[in-house]
Amino acid sequence: MTHTFTPTRTVPPLPGTTLLGLKATTLLELGDAARQGFQTAALERFARHLGLTLADTLDLIRLSESTYHSYRRKGKPLSSDDSTQLYHLARVTEAAESYFQSVTEAHRWLMTPRATFGAHTPLQFALLPGGAEYVTTVLSRLEHGVYT
């Protein structure tokens, strides 16, 4: 007799994916989605969520408006690099919102330059190599009462 395994719970989405409207629950799925490129709607969704203008969001990930509008007009996805950058921003945004338990406070923290990040905002710092990991580490330290 063969028994079929039936999961008792659903796998939660990876941090940052919900904010972008992605369904990835594993790093492999996320990697595939980033390699294929996120749809421009993910960037627009992120900008709206943070209350940023599209121009400010494009400036943050260093994507020119003309390139973005060309992608959008042709129905093409963002590049793999731009998609990865956007994911890093979404991941630290969700981490900050979880820590502060207030979207307003989290967004204020994310957009205010901090000495901990070399006078950059946490969002800017998250785009440096290893930056997103460091920003989430700082939030974890704060959560545990470790002054950073």
C-alpha atoms as a PDB file:
ATOM      1  CA  MET A   1       0.000   0.000   0.000  1.00  0.00           C
ATOM      2  CA  THR A   2       1.368   3.406  -0.993  1.00  0.00           C
ATOM      3  CA  HIS A   3       0.678   6.488   1.048  1.00  0.00           C
ATOM      4  CA  THR A   4       0.598   9.904  -0.487  1.00  0.00           C
ATOM      5  CA  PHE A   5       2.177  12.700   1.483  1.00  0.00           C
ATOM      6  CA  THR A   6      -0.157  15.609   2.045  1.00  0.00           C
ATOM      7  CA  PRO A   7       1.464  18.735   3.462  1.00  0.00           C
ATOM      8  CA  THR A   8      -0.191  20.074   6.591  1.00  0.00           C
ATOM      9  CA  ARG A   9       0.824  23.657   6.020  1.00  0.00           C
ATOM     10  CA  THR A  10       1.644  25.899   3.129  1.00  0.00           C
ATOM     11  CA  VAL A  11       5.163  27.169   2.672  1.00  0.00           C
ATOM     12  CA  PRO A  12       5.418  30.878   3.442  1.00  0.00           C
ATOM     13  CA  PRO A  13       6.724  33.155   0.692  1.00  0.00           C
ATOM     14  CA  LEU A  14      10.320  34.333   0.911  1.00  0.00           C
ATOM     15  CA  PRO A  15      10.839  37.715   2.601  1.00  0.00           C
ATOM     16  CA  GLY A  16      10.355  40.544   0.113  1.00  0.00           C
ATOM     17  CA  THR A  17       8.451  38.520  -2.470  1.00  0.00           C
ATOM     18  CA  THR A  18       4.949  39.401  -1.300  1.00  0.00           C
ATOM     19  CA  LEU A  19       5.717  43.113  -1.573  1.00  0.00           C
ATOM     20  CA  LEU A  20       6.692  42.588  -5.223  1.00  0.00           C
ATOM     21  CA  GLY A  21       3.737  40.351  -6.037  1.00  0.00           C
ATOM     22  CA  LEU A  22       5.930  37.274  -6.557  1.00  0.00           C
ATOM     23  CA  LYS A  23       4.965  33.728  -5.620  1.00  0.00           C
ATOM     24  CA  ALA A  24       8.491  32.397  -4.889  1.00  0.00           C
ATOM     25  CA  THR A  25       8.741  30.138  -1.840  1.00  0.00           C
ATOM     26  CA  THR A  26      12.279  28.840  -2.474  1.00  0.00           C
ATOM     27  CA  LEU A  27      15.564  30.479  -3.378  1.00  0.00           C
ATOM     28  CA  LEU A  28      15.568  28.511  -6.629  1.00  0.00           C
ATOM     29  CA  GLU A  29      12.185  29.956  -7.618  1.00  0.00           C
ATOM     30  CA  LEU A  30      13.351  33.434  -6.668  1.00  0.00           C
ATOM     31  CA  GLY A  31      16.575  32.992  -8.626  1.00  0.00           C
ATOM     32  CA  ASP A  32      14.653  31.858 -11.690  1.00  0.00           C
ATOM     33  CA  ALA A  33      12.275  34.819 -11.417  1.00  0.00           C
ATOM     34  CA  ALA A  34      15.147  37.284 -11.053  1.00  0.00           C
ATOM     35  CA  ARG A  35      17.055  35.760 -13.985  1.00  0.00           C
ATOM     36  CA  GLN A  36      13.955  36.016 -16.165  1.00  0.00           C
ATOM     37  CA  GLY A  37      13.410  39.553 -14.863  1.00  0.00           C
ATOM     38  CA  PHE A  38      10.531  40.926 -12.811  1.00  0.00           C
ATOM     39  CA  GLN A  39       7.697  42.628 -14.611  1.00  0.00           C
ATOM     40  CA  THR A  40       7.700  46.429 -14.465  1.00  0.00           C
ATOM     41  CA  ALA A  41       4.547  46.179 -12.348  1.00  0.00           C
ATOM     42  CA  ALA A  42       6.697  44.853  -9.471  1.00  0.00           C
ATOM     43  CA  LEU A  43       8.743  48.059  -9.487  1.00  0.00           C
ATOM     44  CA  GLU A  44       5.616  50.209  -9.651  1.00  0.00           C
ATOM     45  CA  ARG A  45       4.073  48.221  -6.798  1.00  0.00           C
ATOM     46  CA  PHE A  46       7.193  48.731  -4.679  1.00  0.00           C
ATOM     47  CA  ALA A  47       7.261  52.480  -5.397  1.00  0.00           C
ATOM     48  CA  ARG A  48       3.589  52.864  -4.449  1.00  0.00           C
ATOM     49  CA  HIS A  49       4.070  50.870  -1.256  1.00  0.00           C
ATOM     50  CA  LEU A  50       6.937  53.086  -0.102  1.00  0.00           C
ATOM     51  CA  GLY A  51       5.227  56.270  -1.287  1.00  0.00           C
ATOM     52  CA  LEU A  52       8.115  57.019  -3.636  1.00  0.00           C
ATOM     53  CA  THR A  53       7.731  58.510  -7.055  1.00  0.00           C
ATOM     54  CA  LEU A  54       8.590  56.268  -9.958  1.00  0.00           C
ATOM     55  CA  ALA A  55      11.521  58.586 -10.758  1.00  0.00           C
ATOM     56  CA  ASP A  56      12.887  58.295  -7.205  1.00  0.00           C
ATOM     57  CA  THR A  57      12.595  54.508  -7.300  1.00  0.00           C
ATOM     58  CA  LEU A  58      14.329  54.305 -10.679  1.00  0.00           C
ATOM     59  CA  ASP A  59      17.062  56.607  -9.387  1.00  0.00           C
ATOM     60  CA  LEU A  60      17.507  54.387  -6.332  1.00  0.00           C
ATOM     61  CA  ILE A  61      18.193  51.285  -8.451  1.00  0.00           C
ATOM     62  CA  ARG A  62      20.036  53.373 -11.061  1.00  0.00           C
ATOM     63  CA  LEU A  63      17.716  52.556 -13.934  1.00  0.00           C
ATOM     64  CA  SER A  64      17.137  55.318 -16.451  1.00  0.00           C
ATOM     65  CA  GLU A  65      13.578  56.430 -17.071  1.00  0.00           C
ATOM     66  CA  SER A  66      13.981  55.931 -20.818  1.00  0.00           C
ATOM     67  CA  THR A  67      15.108  52.315 -20.346  1.00  0.00           C
ATOM     68  CA  TYR A  68      12.288  51.640 -17.903  1.00  0.00           C
ATOM     69  CA  HIS A  69       9.666  53.120 -20.229  1.00  0.00           C
ATOM     70  CA  SER A  70      11.108  51.130 -23.132  1.00  0.00           C
ATOM     71  CA  TYR A  71      10.735  47.904 -21.091  1.00  0.00           C
ATOM     72  CA  ARG A  72       7.195  48.864 -20.135  1.00  0.00           C
ATOM     73  CA  ARG A  73       6.134  49.867 -23.645  1.00  0.00           C
ATOM     74  CA  LYS A  74       7.509  46.632 -25.149  1.00  0.00           C
ATOM     75  CA  GLY A  75       6.153  44.457 -22.335  1.00  0.00           C
ATOM     76  CA  LYS A  76       9.687  43.329 -21.498  1.00  0.00           C
ATOM     77  CA  PRO A  77      10.748  42.443 -17.952  1.00  0.00           C
ATOM     78  CA  LEU A  78      13.401  44.309 -16.003  1.00  0.00           C
ATOM     79  CA  SER A  79      16.958  43.071 -16.371  1.00  0.00           C
ATOM     80  CA  SER A  80      18.223  40.385 -14.024  1.00  0.00           C
ATOM     81  CA  ASP A  81      20.434  42.929 -12.212  1.00  0.00           C
ATOM     82  CA  ASP A  82      17.602  45.432 -11.793  1.00  0.00           C
ATOM     83  CA  SER A  83      15.305  42.659 -10.562  1.00  0.00           C
ATOM     84  CA  THR A  84      17.891  41.559  -8.000  1.00  0.00           C
ATOM     85  CA  GLN A  85      18.315  45.151  -6.788  1.00  0.00           C
ATOM     86  CA  LEU A  86      14.558  45.522  -6.461  1.00  0.00           C
ATOM     87  CA  TYR A  87      14.355  42.287  -4.470  1.00  0.00           C
ATOM     88  CA  HIS A  88      17.008  43.542  -2.017  1.00  0.00           C
ATOM     89  CA  LEU A  89      14.982  46.711  -1.465  1.00  0.00           C
ATOM     90  CA  ALA A  90      11.774  44.756  -0.918  1.00  0.00           C
ATOM     91  CA  ARG A  91      13.469  42.354   1.503  1.00  0.00           C
ATOM     92  CA  VAL A  92      14.845  45.108   3.744  1.00  0.00           C
ATOM     93  CA  THR A  93      11.521  46.963   3.530  1.00  0.00           C
ATOM     94  CA  GLU A  94       9.604  43.936   4.794  1.00  0.00           C
ATOM     95  CA  ALA A  95      12.221  43.390   7.532  1.00  0.00           C
ATOM     96  CA  ALA A  96      11.911  47.008   8.689  1.00  0.00           C
ATOM     97  CA  GLU A  97       8.108  46.854   8.653  1.00  0.00           C
ATOM     98  CA  SER A  98       8.241  43.689  10.721  1.00  0.00           C
ATOM     99  CA  TYR A  99      10.626  45.235  13.261  1.00  0.00           C
ATOM    100  CA  PHE A 100       8.874  48.592  13.610  1.00  0.00           C
ATOM    101  CA  GLN A 101       5.353  47.129  13.289  1.00  0.00           C
ATOM    102  CA  SER A 102       4.417  50.442  11.725  1.00  0.00           C
ATOM    103  CA  VAL A 103       4.661  51.012   8.001  1.00  0.00           C
ATOM    104  CA  THR A 104       5.106  54.749   8.529  1.00  0.00           C
ATOM    105  CA  GLU A 105       7.942  54.351  11.051  1.00  0.00           C
ATOM    106  CA  ALA A 106       9.626  51.670   8.964  1.00  0.00           C
ATOM    107  CA  HIS A 107       9.554  53.806   5.828  1.00  0.00           C
ATOM    108  CA  ARG A 108      10.872  56.824   7.726  1.00  0.00           C
ATOM    109  CA  TRP A 109      13.757  54.703   9.065  1.00  0.00           C
ATOM    110  CA  LEU A 110      14.503  53.261   5.616  1.00  0.00           C
ATOM    111  CA  MET A 111      14.697  56.702   3.990  1.00  0.00           C
ATOM    112  CA  THR A 112      16.706  58.550   6.649  1.00  0.00           C
ATOM    113  CA  PRO A 113      20.516  58.621   6.408  1.00  0.00           C
ATOM    114  CA  ARG A 114      22.122  56.772   9.323  1.00  0.00           C
ATOM    115  CA  ALA A 115      25.676  56.775  10.687  1.00  0.00           C
ATOM    116  CA  THR A 116      25.527  52.979  10.879  1.00  0.00           C
ATOM    117  CA  PHE A 117      25.311  52.920   7.094  1.00  0.00           C
ATOM    118  CA  GLY A 118      28.005  55.513   6.421  1.00  0.00           C
ATOM    119  CA  ALA A 119      25.497  58.381   6.223  1.00  0.00           C
ATOM    120  CA  HIS A 120      23.504  56.511   3.553  1.00  0.00           C
ATOM    121  CA  THR A 121      19.875  55.563   3.959  1.00  0.00           C
ATOM    122  CA  PRO A 122      19.237  51.888   4.714  1.00  0.00           C
ATOM    123  CA  LEU A 123      17.625  51.590   1.256  1.00  0.00           C
ATOM    124  CA  GLN A 124      20.731  52.981  -0.442  1.00  0.00           C
ATOM    125  CA  PHE A 125      22.997  50.782   1.659  1.00  0.00           C
ATOM    126  CA  ALA A 126      20.934  47.690   0.833  1.00  0.00           C
ATOM    127  CA  LEU A 127      22.014  48.013  -2.802  1.00  0.00           C
ATOM    128  CA  LEU A 128      25.724  47.684  -1.997  1.00  0.00           C
ATOM    129  CA  PRO A 129      27.282  44.204  -2.209  1.00  0.00           C
ATOM    130  CA  GLY A 130      26.236  42.487   1.015  1.00  0.00           C
ATOM    131  CA  GLY A 131      24.267  45.572   2.012  1.00  0.00           C
ATOM    132  CA  ALA A 132      20.822  43.981   2.277  1.00  0.00           C
ATOM    133  CA  GLU A 133      22.215  41.312   4.594  1.00  0.00           C
ATOM    134  CA  TYR A 134      23.828  43.976   6.762  1.00  0.00           C
ATOM    135  CA  VAL A 135      20.646  46.067   6.971  1.00  0.00           C
ATOM    136  CA  THR A 136      18.631  43.017   8.036  1.00  0.00           C
ATOM    137  CA  THR A 137      21.369  42.134  10.553  1.00  0.00           C
ATOM    138  CA  VAL A 138      21.142  45.640  12.038  1.00  0.00           C
ATOM    139  CA  LEU A 139      17.370  45.247  12.359  1.00  0.00           C
ATOM    140  CA  SER A 140      17.839  41.873  14.044  1.00  0.00           C
ATOM    141  CA  ARG A 141      20.332  43.386  16.475  1.00  0.00           C
ATOM    142  CA  LEU A 142      17.933  46.189  17.290  1.00  0.00           C
ATOM    143  CA  GLU A 143      15.195  43.648  17.877  1.00  0.00           C
ATOM    144  CA  HIS A 144      17.422  41.904  20.398  1.00  0.00           C
ATOM    145  CA  GLY A 145      18.468  45.118  22.131  1.00  0.00           C
ATOM    146  CA  VAL A 146      21.980  45.304  20.688  1.00  0.00           C
ATOM    147  CA  TYR A 147      22.890  48.903  19.940  1.00  0.00           C
ATOM    148  CA  THR A 148      24.385  49.189  16.459  1.00  0.00           C
END
